[in-house]
Protein backbone atom coordinates (compact mmCIF):
# COMPACT_ATOMS: atom_id res chain seq x y z
CA MET A 1 6.38 11.90 -9.46
CA VAL A 2 7.93 9.06 -11.43
CA ALA A 3 11.40 10.11 -12.56
CA GLY A 4 11.41 11.18 -16.21
CA ILE A 5 7.67 10.58 -16.67
CA ASN A 6 5.50 13.69 -16.76
CA LYS A 7 2.69 12.47 -19.00
CA VAL A 8 1.33 8.99 -19.73
CA ALA A 9 -1.02 8.06 -22.55
CA VAL A 10 -3.48 5.31 -21.63
CA ILE A 11 -5.01 3.62 -24.67
CA GLY A 12 -8.28 1.96 -23.69
CA GLY A 13 -10.11 3.23 -20.61
CA GLY A 14 -12.02 0.19 -19.42
CA VAL A 15 -11.52 -1.49 -16.04
CA ILE A 16 -7.78 -2.06 -16.50
CA GLY A 17 -7.07 1.20 -18.33
CA ALA A 18 -8.93 3.24 -15.71
CA GLY A 19 -7.01 1.41 -12.99
CA TRP A 20 -3.69 2.24 -14.63
CA ALA A 21 -4.75 5.86 -15.05
CA ALA A 22 -5.63 6.07 -11.34
CA ARG A 23 -2.29 4.58 -10.25
CA PHE A 24 -0.32 7.04 -12.39
CA VAL A 25 -2.44 10.05 -11.39
CA LEU A 26 -2.20 9.27 -7.68
CA ASN A 27 1.56 9.01 -8.01
CA GLY A 28 1.76 12.51 -9.43
CA VAL A 29 1.74 11.83 -13.19
CA ASP A 30 -0.56 13.48 -15.76
CA VAL A 31 -2.62 10.97 -17.75
CA THR A 32 -4.58 11.28 -20.98
CA ILE A 33 -6.97 8.45 -21.84
CA TYR A 34 -7.99 7.64 -25.39
CA ASP A 35 -11.07 5.47 -25.77
CA PRO A 36 -13.89 6.02 -28.29
CA SER A 37 -16.56 4.90 -25.78
CA PRO A 38 -18.60 7.91 -24.57
CA GLU A 39 -18.98 6.22 -21.16
CA VAL A 40 -15.25 6.18 -20.37
CA PRO A 41 -14.91 9.74 -18.97
CA ARG A 42 -17.64 8.99 -16.41
CA SER A 43 -16.52 5.49 -15.47
CA ALA A 44 -12.79 6.32 -15.34
CA THR A 45 -13.50 9.34 -13.14
CA GLU A 46 -15.53 7.13 -10.80
CA VAL A 47 -12.69 4.60 -10.64
CA LEU A 48 -10.25 7.42 -9.81
CA GLY A 49 -12.58 8.50 -6.99
CA ASN A 50 -12.55 5.03 -5.45
CA ALA A 51 -8.79 4.76 -5.96
CA ARG A 52 -8.22 8.14 -4.31
CA ARG A 53 -10.18 6.97 -1.27
CA ALA A 54 -8.21 3.72 -1.03
CA TYR A 55 -4.83 5.41 -1.57
CA ALA A 56 -5.58 7.96 1.16
CA ARG A 57 -6.14 5.08 3.58
CA LEU A 58 -3.06 3.19 2.40
CA HIS A 59 -0.45 5.94 1.97
CA GLY A 60 -1.92 9.06 3.61
CA ALA A 61 0.07 12.27 3.40
CA ALA A 62 3.05 10.54 1.78
CA LEU A 63 1.27 10.87 -1.56
CA PRO A 64 2.47 13.61 -3.92
CA ALA A 65 0.21 16.18 -5.51
CA GLU A 66 -2.08 14.39 -7.96
CA GLY A 67 -1.49 14.42 -11.67
CA ARG A 68 -4.24 15.58 -14.03
CA LEU A 69 -6.64 13.18 -15.71
CA SER A 70 -7.84 14.18 -19.18
CA PHE A 71 -9.48 12.52 -22.17
CA ALA A 72 -8.51 12.71 -25.83
CA ALA A 73 -10.74 12.51 -28.89
CA THR A 74 -8.03 10.88 -31.04
CA LEU A 75 -5.05 8.58 -30.54
CA ALA A 76 -2.70 11.27 -31.85
CA GLU A 77 -4.01 13.76 -29.29
CA ALA A 78 -3.47 11.28 -26.45
CA LEU A 79 0.08 10.50 -27.57
CA GLU A 80 1.14 14.13 -27.94
CA GLY A 81 3.91 14.79 -25.40
CA ALA A 82 3.61 11.34 -23.79
CA ASP A 83 6.69 9.93 -22.02
CA PHE A 84 5.16 6.45 -21.62
CA VAL A 85 2.20 4.57 -23.11
CA GLN A 86 0.06 1.88 -21.47
CA GLU A 87 -2.27 -0.01 -23.82
CA ASN A 88 -5.41 -1.79 -22.56
CA LEU A 89 -7.39 -2.77 -25.65
CA PRO A 90 -9.56 -5.90 -25.98
CA GLU A 91 -7.60 -9.16 -26.37
CA ARG A 92 -7.56 -9.13 -30.17
CA GLU A 93 -4.16 -9.60 -31.79
CA ASP A 94 -5.11 -7.84 -35.02
CA LEU A 95 -6.51 -4.79 -33.18
CA LYS A 96 -3.44 -4.43 -30.97
CA GLN A 97 -1.07 -4.84 -33.93
CA ARG A 98 -2.86 -2.10 -35.86
CA VAL A 99 -2.91 0.35 -32.96
CA PHE A 100 0.71 -0.35 -32.04
CA ALA A 101 1.79 0.32 -35.62
CA GLU A 102 -0.15 3.60 -35.63
CA ALA A 103 1.22 4.68 -32.24
CA ASP A 104 4.73 3.66 -33.28
CA ALA A 105 4.54 6.06 -36.22
CA LEU A 106 3.40 8.95 -34.01
CA LEU A 107 5.81 8.60 -31.09
CA PRO A 108 9.50 9.46 -30.74
CA PRO A 109 11.56 6.22 -30.83
CA HIS A 110 12.54 6.38 -27.15
CA VAL A 111 8.97 6.28 -25.76
CA ILE A 112 8.12 2.85 -24.36
CA ILE A 113 4.78 1.20 -25.08
CA GLY A 114 3.57 -1.17 -22.39
CA SER A 115 0.78 -3.63 -23.16
CA SER A 116 -1.62 -4.90 -20.52
CA THR A 117 -2.37 -8.03 -22.53
CA SER A 118 -3.14 -10.95 -20.26
CA GLY A 119 -1.76 -13.60 -22.58
CA LEU A 120 -0.95 -12.56 -26.16
CA LEU A 121 2.67 -13.00 -27.15
CA PRO A 122 4.62 -9.73 -27.51
CA THR A 123 6.61 -11.04 -30.49
CA LYS A 124 3.38 -11.20 -32.48
CA LEU A 125 2.12 -7.87 -31.13
CA GLN A 126 5.27 -6.00 -32.25
CA ALA A 127 5.35 -7.59 -35.72
CA LYS A 128 4.11 -4.49 -37.60
CA MET A 129 6.07 -1.84 -35.70
CA ALA A 130 8.96 0.12 -37.15
CA HIS A 131 10.48 0.28 -33.64
CA PRO A 132 9.53 -3.09 -32.12
CA GLU A 133 12.27 -2.81 -29.50
CA ARG A 134 10.10 -0.33 -27.56
CA LEU A 135 7.17 -2.73 -26.94
CA VAL A 136 6.96 -4.67 -23.68
CA VAL A 137 4.17 -6.46 -21.86
CA GLY A 138 3.29 -4.90 -18.50
CA HIS A 139 0.47 -7.16 -17.35
CA PRO A 140 -1.28 -5.94 -14.16
CA PHE A 141 -4.07 -7.29 -11.97
CA ASN A 142 -7.37 -5.74 -11.00
CA PRO A 143 -7.63 -3.36 -9.20
CA VAL A 144 -4.51 -2.04 -10.86
CA TYR A 145 -4.20 0.87 -8.42
CA LEU A 146 -3.98 -1.46 -5.37
CA LEU A 147 -2.62 -4.85 -6.43
CA PRO A 148 1.15 -4.49 -6.80
CA LEU A 149 1.95 -7.36 -9.19
CA VAL A 150 2.94 -6.55 -12.78
CA GLU A 151 4.34 -9.17 -15.14
CA ILE A 152 6.98 -7.89 -17.58
CA CYS A 153 7.58 -9.91 -20.73
CA GLY A 154 9.53 -8.89 -23.81
CA GLY A 155 9.10 -10.09 -27.36
CA GLY A 156 11.78 -11.33 -29.68
CA GLN A 157 12.72 -7.78 -30.65
CA THR A 158 12.19 -6.04 -27.29
CA SER A 159 15.42 -4.48 -26.07
CA ALA A 160 16.90 -5.17 -22.65
CA ALA A 161 16.90 -1.41 -22.04
CA THR A 162 13.14 -1.27 -22.62
CA LYS A 163 12.47 -4.03 -20.11
CA ALA A 164 14.78 -2.43 -17.55
CA ARG A 165 13.21 1.01 -17.94
CA ALA A 166 9.67 -0.39 -17.75
CA ALA A 167 10.63 -2.15 -14.53
CA GLU A 168 11.93 1.15 -13.11
CA ILE A 169 8.70 2.94 -13.98
CA TYR A 170 6.42 0.27 -12.53
CA THR A 171 8.53 0.00 -9.37
CA ALA A 172 8.32 3.77 -8.90
CA LEU A 173 4.52 3.34 -8.93
CA GLY A 174 4.76 0.96 -5.94
CA MET A 175 4.50 -2.27 -7.95
CA GLN A 176 6.22 -5.63 -7.60
CA VAL A 177 7.78 -6.59 -10.93
CA LEU A 178 7.75 -10.24 -12.01
CA HIS A 179 10.03 -10.83 -15.00
CA VAL A 180 8.68 -13.56 -17.29
CA ARG A 181 11.83 -15.32 -18.50
CA GLN A 182 10.40 -16.52 -21.81
CA GLU A 183 7.31 -15.92 -23.88
CA ILE A 184 4.46 -18.25 -23.04
CA ASP A 185 0.73 -17.94 -23.59
CA GLY A 186 -0.90 -16.47 -20.48
CA PHE A 187 2.47 -15.69 -18.88
CA ILE A 188 2.74 -17.00 -15.30
CA ALA A 189 -0.10 -15.75 -13.11
CA ASP A 190 -2.94 -16.18 -15.60
CA ARG A 191 -1.92 -19.75 -16.39
CA LEU A 192 -2.35 -20.56 -12.71
CA LEU A 193 -5.64 -18.68 -12.52
CA GLU A 194 -6.92 -20.40 -15.67
CA ALA A 195 -6.38 -23.84 -14.12
CA VAL A 196 -8.51 -22.89 -11.12
CA TRP A 197 -11.10 -21.20 -13.37
CA ARG A 198 -11.52 -24.26 -15.59
CA GLU A 199 -12.00 -26.54 -12.60
CA ALA A 200 -14.49 -24.09 -11.07
CA LEU A 201 -16.57 -24.10 -14.28
CA TRP A 202 -16.59 -27.92 -14.26
CA LEU A 203 -17.83 -27.93 -10.65
CA ILE A 204 -20.75 -25.72 -11.67
CA ASN A 205 -21.34 -27.58 -14.95
CA ASP A 206 -21.53 -30.92 -13.10
CA GLY A 207 -23.77 -29.56 -10.35
CA VAL A 208 -21.16 -30.14 -7.64
CA ALA A 209 -21.02 -26.58 -6.30
CA THR A 210 -22.38 -23.09 -6.91
CA ALA A 211 -20.39 -19.96 -7.70
CA GLY A 212 -20.75 -18.77 -4.11
CA GLU A 213 -19.65 -22.10 -2.66
CA ILE A 214 -16.57 -22.20 -4.88
CA ASP A 215 -15.61 -18.67 -3.83
CA ASP A 216 -16.09 -19.69 -0.18
CA ALA A 217 -13.77 -22.65 -0.69
CA ILE A 218 -11.05 -20.22 -1.78
CA ARG A 219 -11.61 -17.15 0.40
CA PHE A 220 -11.98 -19.03 3.69
CA GLY A 221 -9.17 -21.46 2.98
CA ALA A 222 -6.24 -21.44 0.61
CA GLY A 223 -6.88 -17.89 -0.60
CA MET A 224 -5.96 -16.46 2.78
CA ARG A 225 -2.59 -18.21 2.67
CA TRP A 226 -2.04 -17.43 -1.00
CA SER A 227 -2.28 -13.69 -0.30
CA PHE A 228 1.05 -13.68 1.50
CA MET A 229 2.73 -17.08 1.01
CA GLY A 230 1.68 -18.36 -2.40
CA THR A 231 1.62 -22.07 -3.20
CA PHE A 232 5.15 -23.37 -2.78
CA LEU A 233 5.96 -21.69 0.53
CA THR A 234 2.57 -22.85 1.88
CA TYR A 235 3.28 -26.45 0.87
CA ARG A 236 6.80 -26.25 2.24
CA LEU A 237 5.32 -25.53 5.67
CA ALA A 238 2.82 -28.37 5.18
CA GLY A 239 5.81 -30.70 4.83
CA GLY A 240 6.78 -29.99 8.44
CA GLU A 241 10.40 -29.96 9.51
CA ALA A 242 11.40 -32.05 6.49
CA GLY A 243 10.08 -29.34 4.18
CA MET A 244 9.16 -29.59 0.51
CA ARG A 245 10.89 -32.93 -0.09
CA HIS A 246 8.67 -34.63 2.48
CA PHE A 247 5.56 -32.89 1.12
CA LEU A 248 6.25 -34.12 -2.42
CA HIS A 249 6.84 -37.68 -1.25
CA GLN A 250 3.70 -37.64 0.89
CA PHE A 251 1.28 -36.04 -1.54
CA GLY A 252 2.97 -36.80 -4.87
CA PRO A 253 0.95 -39.97 -5.51
CA SER A 254 -2.27 -37.92 -5.53
CA MET A 255 -1.07 -36.22 -8.73
CA LYS A 256 -1.91 -39.45 -10.55
CA TRP A 257 -5.49 -39.46 -9.31
CA PRO A 258 -8.08 -38.17 -11.83
CA TRP A 259 -9.25 -35.29 -9.65
CA THR A 260 -8.99 -32.32 -11.99
CA LYS A 261 -10.04 -31.62 -15.57
CA LEU A 262 -7.42 -29.56 -17.36
CA ILE A 263 -9.65 -28.76 -20.35
CA GLY A 264 -12.54 -26.45 -19.55
CA PRO A 265 -16.16 -27.42 -20.24
CA GLU A 266 -17.93 -26.13 -23.34
CA LEU A 267 -19.49 -22.75 -22.60
CA THR A 268 -23.02 -23.68 -23.68
CA ASP A 269 -25.85 -21.18 -23.34
CA GLU A 270 -27.15 -23.30 -20.46
CA LEU A 271 -23.83 -23.12 -18.57
CA ILE A 272 -23.49 -19.39 -19.21
CA ASP A 273 -27.02 -18.79 -17.91
CA THR A 274 -26.34 -20.91 -14.83
CA VAL A 275 -23.07 -19.16 -13.96
CA ALA A 276 -24.54 -15.71 -14.59
CA ALA A 277 -27.63 -16.43 -12.47
CA GLN A 278 -25.53 -17.79 -9.60
CA SER A 279 -23.24 -14.77 -9.80
CA ASP A 280 -26.22 -12.39 -9.67
CA GLU A 281 -27.59 -14.25 -6.67
CA GLN A 282 -24.21 -14.15 -4.98
CA ALA A 283 -23.92 -10.36 -5.52
CA GLY A 284 -27.22 -9.86 -3.71
CA GLY A 285 -28.19 -6.72 -5.62
CA VAL A 286 -25.16 -4.72 -4.43
CA ASP A 287 -23.98 -2.30 -7.14
CA LEU A 288 -20.53 -2.39 -8.76
CA ARG A 289 -19.00 0.71 -7.15
CA THR A 290 -20.10 -0.39 -3.66
CA TYR A 291 -18.47 -3.78 -4.19
CA GLU A 292 -15.33 -2.07 -5.49
CA ARG A 293 -15.10 0.02 -2.31
CA LEU A 294 -15.63 -3.06 -0.15
CA ARG A 295 -12.93 -4.90 -2.10
CA ASP A 296 -10.57 -1.94 -1.74
CA ASN A 297 -11.23 -1.70 2.02
CA CYS A 298 -10.35 -5.36 2.46
CA LEU A 299 -7.21 -5.07 0.32
CA VAL A 300 -6.00 -1.99 2.23
CA ASP A 301 -6.68 -3.65 5.60
CA LEU A 302 -4.89 -6.82 4.51
CA THR A 303 -1.96 -4.82 3.14
CA GLN A 304 -1.63 -2.89 6.39
CA ALA A 305 -1.75 -6.13 8.39
CA LEU A 306 1.04 -7.53 6.20
CA GLU A 307 2.92 -4.25 6.52
CA LYS A 308 3.12 -4.72 10.28
CA ASN A 309 5.03 -7.92 9.55
CA ASP A 310 7.09 -6.31 6.74
CA PHE A 311 6.04 -9.19 4.49
CA ALA A 312 4.65 -9.80 0.99
CA SER A 313 2.53 -6.92 -0.40
CA GLY A 314 2.86 -5.12 2.94
CA LYS A 315 6.61 -4.88 2.43
CA VAL A 316 6.05 -3.40 -1.05
CA ALA A 317 3.59 -0.81 0.34
CA ARG A 318 5.95 0.18 3.16
CA ALA A 319 8.84 0.68 0.71
CA HIS A 320 6.67 2.73 -1.65
CA ARG A 321 5.43 5.01 1.15
CA ALA A 322 9.01 5.57 2.32
CA ARG A 323 9.99 6.39 -1.27
CA LEU A 324 7.11 8.86 -1.57
CA ALA A 325 7.85 10.50 1.79
CA GLY A 326 11.49 11.01 0.88
CA GLY A 327 12.77 10.54 4.44
CA THR A 328 12.05 13.50 6.75
CA ALA A 329 12.58 11.88 10.16
CA LEU A 330 13.73 13.91 13.16
CA PRO A 331 17.03 13.17 14.92
CA ALA A 332 16.85 10.35 17.48
CA GLY A 333 16.69 12.77 20.43
CA GLY A 334 14.40 15.32 18.81
CA THR A 335 15.29 18.93 18.05
CA LEU A 336 15.74 21.52 20.81
CA GLU A 337 14.30 24.72 19.40
CA ALA A 338 15.53 28.22 20.15
CA ASP A 339 12.72 28.94 22.62
CA GLY A 340 13.48 25.79 24.62
CA HIS A 341 10.72 23.54 23.33
CA LEU A 342 11.85 20.03 22.33
CA LEU A 343 10.34 18.97 19.00
CA THR A 344 9.89 15.22 19.49
CA ILE A 345 7.35 14.20 16.81
CA ALA A 346 6.74 15.55 13.30
CA THR A 347 4.51 13.33 11.20
CA ALA A 348 1.42 13.13 9.03
CA VAL A 349 -1.55 11.23 10.40
CA GLN A 350 -1.13 7.72 9.02
CA PRO A 351 -3.97 5.55 7.69
CA GLU A 352 -3.64 2.96 10.46
CA TRP A 353 -4.13 5.64 13.13
CA ILE A 354 -7.61 6.76 12.07
CA ASP A 355 -11.13 5.64 12.95
CA TYR A 356 -14.27 5.36 10.81
CA ASN A 357 -14.61 9.17 10.87
CA ASP A 358 -11.10 9.61 9.43
CA HIS A 359 -10.03 11.10 12.78
CA LEU A 360 -7.01 10.16 14.87
CA THR A 361 -8.15 7.50 17.35
CA GLU A 362 -7.80 7.88 21.12
CA SER A 363 -5.21 5.09 21.22
CA ALA A 364 -3.22 6.83 18.48
CA TYR A 365 -3.01 10.03 20.55
CA LEU A 366 -1.57 7.96 23.38
CA LYS A 367 0.82 6.20 20.98
CA LEU A 368 2.18 9.49 19.64
CA PHE A 369 2.64 10.90 23.14
CA GLY A 370 4.32 7.64 24.14
CA ASP A 371 6.63 7.96 21.14
CA ALA A 372 7.40 11.54 22.20
CA THR A 373 8.31 10.27 25.67
CA ASP A 374 10.67 7.74 24.09
CA VAL A 375 12.38 10.57 22.19
CA VAL A 376 12.94 12.49 25.44
CA LEU A 377 14.34 9.36 27.09
CA ALA A 378 16.69 8.76 24.16
CA ARG A 379 17.93 12.35 24.53
CA ILE A 380 18.91 11.85 28.18
CA GLY A 381 20.61 8.49 27.51
CA ALA A 382 17.77 6.15 28.49
CA GLY A 383 16.95 4.80 25.03
CA LEU A 384 16.59 1.26 23.73
CA ASP A 385 20.16 0.23 24.59
CA TYR A 386 19.60 1.35 28.16
CA VAL A 387 16.37 -0.65 28.36
CA ALA A 388 18.11 -3.72 26.95
CA ALA A 389 20.66 -3.43 29.78
CA GLY A 390 17.88 -3.90 32.35
CA HIS A 391 16.84 -0.38 33.37
CA SER A 392 14.08 1.90 32.23
CA PHE A 393 11.63 4.63 33.09
CA TYR A 394 8.07 3.43 33.60
CA THR A 395 5.08 5.72 33.15
CA VAL A 396 3.10 5.53 36.39
CA GLU A 397 0.54 8.28 35.77
CA SER A 398 -0.90 10.01 32.68
CA HIS A 399 -3.43 12.72 31.97
CA LEU A 400 -4.55 13.37 28.35
CA ARG A 401 -6.73 16.17 27.06
CA HIS A 402 -8.34 16.09 23.60
CA LEU A 403 -8.82 19.65 22.38
CA GLY A 404 -9.34 19.14 18.65
CA GLN A 405 -9.25 16.63 15.81
CA ALA A 406 -6.42 15.38 13.66
CA ARG A 407 -7.54 13.89 10.36
CA LEU A 408 -6.05 11.53 7.83
CA GLY A 409 -3.02 13.04 6.11
CA GLU A 410 -2.84 16.17 8.27
CA LYS A 411 0.60 17.01 9.68
CA VAL A 412 1.02 17.14 13.45
CA GLU A 413 3.96 17.93 15.73
CA VAL A 414 4.56 17.21 19.40
CA ARG A 415 6.59 19.62 21.54
CA SER A 416 7.80 18.27 24.85
CA ARG A 417 9.07 19.63 28.16
CA VAL A 418 10.68 18.19 31.25
CA LEU A 419 8.98 20.20 34.00
CA ALA A 420 10.92 18.71 36.91
CA SER A 421 13.06 15.75 37.89
CA ASP A 422 14.79 14.13 40.82
CA ALA A 423 16.87 10.99 41.30
CA LYS A 424 13.94 8.67 40.50
CA ARG A 425 11.26 10.72 38.75
CA ILE A 426 10.66 12.77 35.61
CA HIS A 427 7.64 15.04 35.15
CA LEU A 428 6.84 15.42 31.42
CA ALA A 429 4.42 17.62 29.48
CA HIS A 430 3.63 17.19 25.76
CA THR A 431 1.56 19.40 23.44
CA MET A 432 0.33 18.18 20.05
CA ILE A 433 0.03 20.89 17.41
CA ALA A 434 -1.92 20.84 14.13
CA VAL A 435 0.68 22.23 11.73
CA HIS A 436 -1.83 23.76 9.29
CA SER A 437 -3.43 25.93 11.98
CA GLY A 438 -0.73 26.11 14.65
CA THR A 439 -3.30 25.26 17.34
CA ALA A 440 -3.00 22.73 20.14
CA ILE A 441 -5.19 19.70 19.55
CA ALA A 442 -4.11 17.58 22.53
CA THR A 443 -1.93 17.64 25.63
CA ALA A 444 -0.45 14.92 27.81
CA GLU A 445 1.11 14.99 31.27
CA HIS A 446 3.17 12.01 32.46
CA MET A 447 4.99 11.02 35.61
CA LEU A 448 7.85 8.59 34.98
CA VAL A 449 9.71 6.53 37.58
CA HIS A 450 13.15 5.00 37.08
CA VAL A 451 13.16 1.23 37.69
CA ASP A 452 15.46 -1.74 37.87
CA ALA A 453 13.52 -3.99 35.52
CA ALA A 454 15.06 -7.23 36.79
CA ALA A 455 14.29 -6.42 40.43
CA GLU A 456 10.96 -4.79 39.50
CA ARG A 457 11.48 -1.89 41.88
CA ALA A 458 12.16 1.81 41.66
CA ASP A 459 15.77 2.92 42.10
CA PRO A 460 17.79 6.09 41.40
CA ALA A 461 18.87 6.70 37.83
CA PRO A 462 22.63 6.83 37.12
CA GLU A 463 24.19 10.23 37.71
CA GLY A 464 24.83 10.71 33.98
CA ILE A 465 21.13 10.40 33.18
CA GLN A 466 20.18 12.61 36.13
CA ALA A 467 22.62 15.27 34.92
CA ALA A 468 21.28 15.11 31.34
CA THR A 469 17.73 15.47 32.67
CA ARG A 470 18.64 18.46 34.86
CA ALA A 471 20.31 20.09 31.88
CA LEU A 472 17.11 19.72 29.84
CA VAL A 473 15.05 21.19 32.69
CA ALA A 474 17.44 24.15 32.82
CA ALA A 475 17.29 24.64 29.04
CA GLN A 476 13.50 24.87 29.25
CA ALA A 477 13.27 26.89 32.47
CA ALA A 478 12.45 30.14 30.66
CA LEU A 479 9.23 28.68 29.23
CA SER A 480 6.01 29.64 30.96
CA PRO A 481 4.62 26.83 33.14
CA PRO A 482 1.69 25.07 31.40
CA ASP A 483 -1.60 26.07 33.00
CA TRP A 484 -3.08 22.62 32.40
CA THR A 485 -0.73 20.43 34.44
CA GLY A 486 -1.58 19.04 37.85
CA ARG A 487 -5.29 18.94 37.12
CA ALA A 488 -7.82 16.26 37.97
CA ILE A 489 -11.15 15.39 36.35
CA ARG A 490 -14.06 16.66 38.47
CA MET A 491 -17.78 16.84 37.84
CA PRO A 492 -19.14 20.40 38.13
CA GLY A 493 -21.31 21.31 41.12
């Protein structure tokens, strides 16, 4: 849920409006869409289906219960009870002004209206409103439910409180807010995109390149860097150790060369036919929804790759998932339960741990059991600080059994035991439980040996660690011995 927002009215349910609706719904907010087109209920529901699939891969079980998606026959019906409004009408100033004035008369004064306009100035859009201070531009990018950027721009009469509250709402949806300091046609991002778009149309108009070739020039080159570094940080690195100053001196003269055409070509019927035909050829007959799912897959995979580096959109996704999860981590050394079991892992199956069947991968089972082993080691005083000092326990033998499946978003727990120990060795047993059924879905047996990492040889653990390990063995002594330890894999017969 987004704090203080229970219902959102989405005005206009096309590509952008449906994307906004999906982002709100998947973050636990009820949404009502108003759009006179009879196709919108079908298309918006399909977009929500694709978004649900992508969000499950990106955020897994951290997601809250979904909000409800509904459709209104009138603007007044959509606005009834709304705590926030997101407008997504065609880019016509007169149309937006009329609808904003009508909505303004129907809503309580405190309800913010966000406009998805990609370039119209908010001062003009709020000109006919009785409460113009409530209007703010919240310009997103397609697909709205996955791309985090939203540009916020206020008009001459937009209040600072409106801009601040809009930023809070969008941030709570997992978005990265970019405040546009002053009104300018096209804001920031679209002005940059327009420059590339105009040049691309000239390249087709002049027969230099096709639509597919132009896309290849971007997606195999600069586009990959842009996705996480943008333009200026990329060029800073291109300047070497001397940085941006050297880059500007080296490549500055090229700015005077007549390479680019800042004014776009005339969109003649011939050029439109050429671009449309090349685009159809490039698409290769693949339908829209299939391409949307492919796009979403690539965006999720890229986001997860960036998340591993805690950088760019990956950093935003990580922060949003943590905000959704609300922080339910176990203590560093696990929790010793009343019956003697040590609860070492309690987690939902994360998107990066699953395979193409939406099941936990074999390597992920091993990772979770390895993490459980680390929790046990931390409990006996052999955690990361101990490893940094040059000593550790190495796993020298493992035996895993896969008894069931764990699927995306399902909650699992690992309960661990120290079966035996001596001066150099620890014998561990882990059981992974599916929380919803209480059944064991995997087990792992490990033999660990204490080592002097610098000397690369086994040696006795310090007495304090030995004593802590013996105490854990004693605390778990009343548990029945597992009947699956000490086994070997044998072919029948």
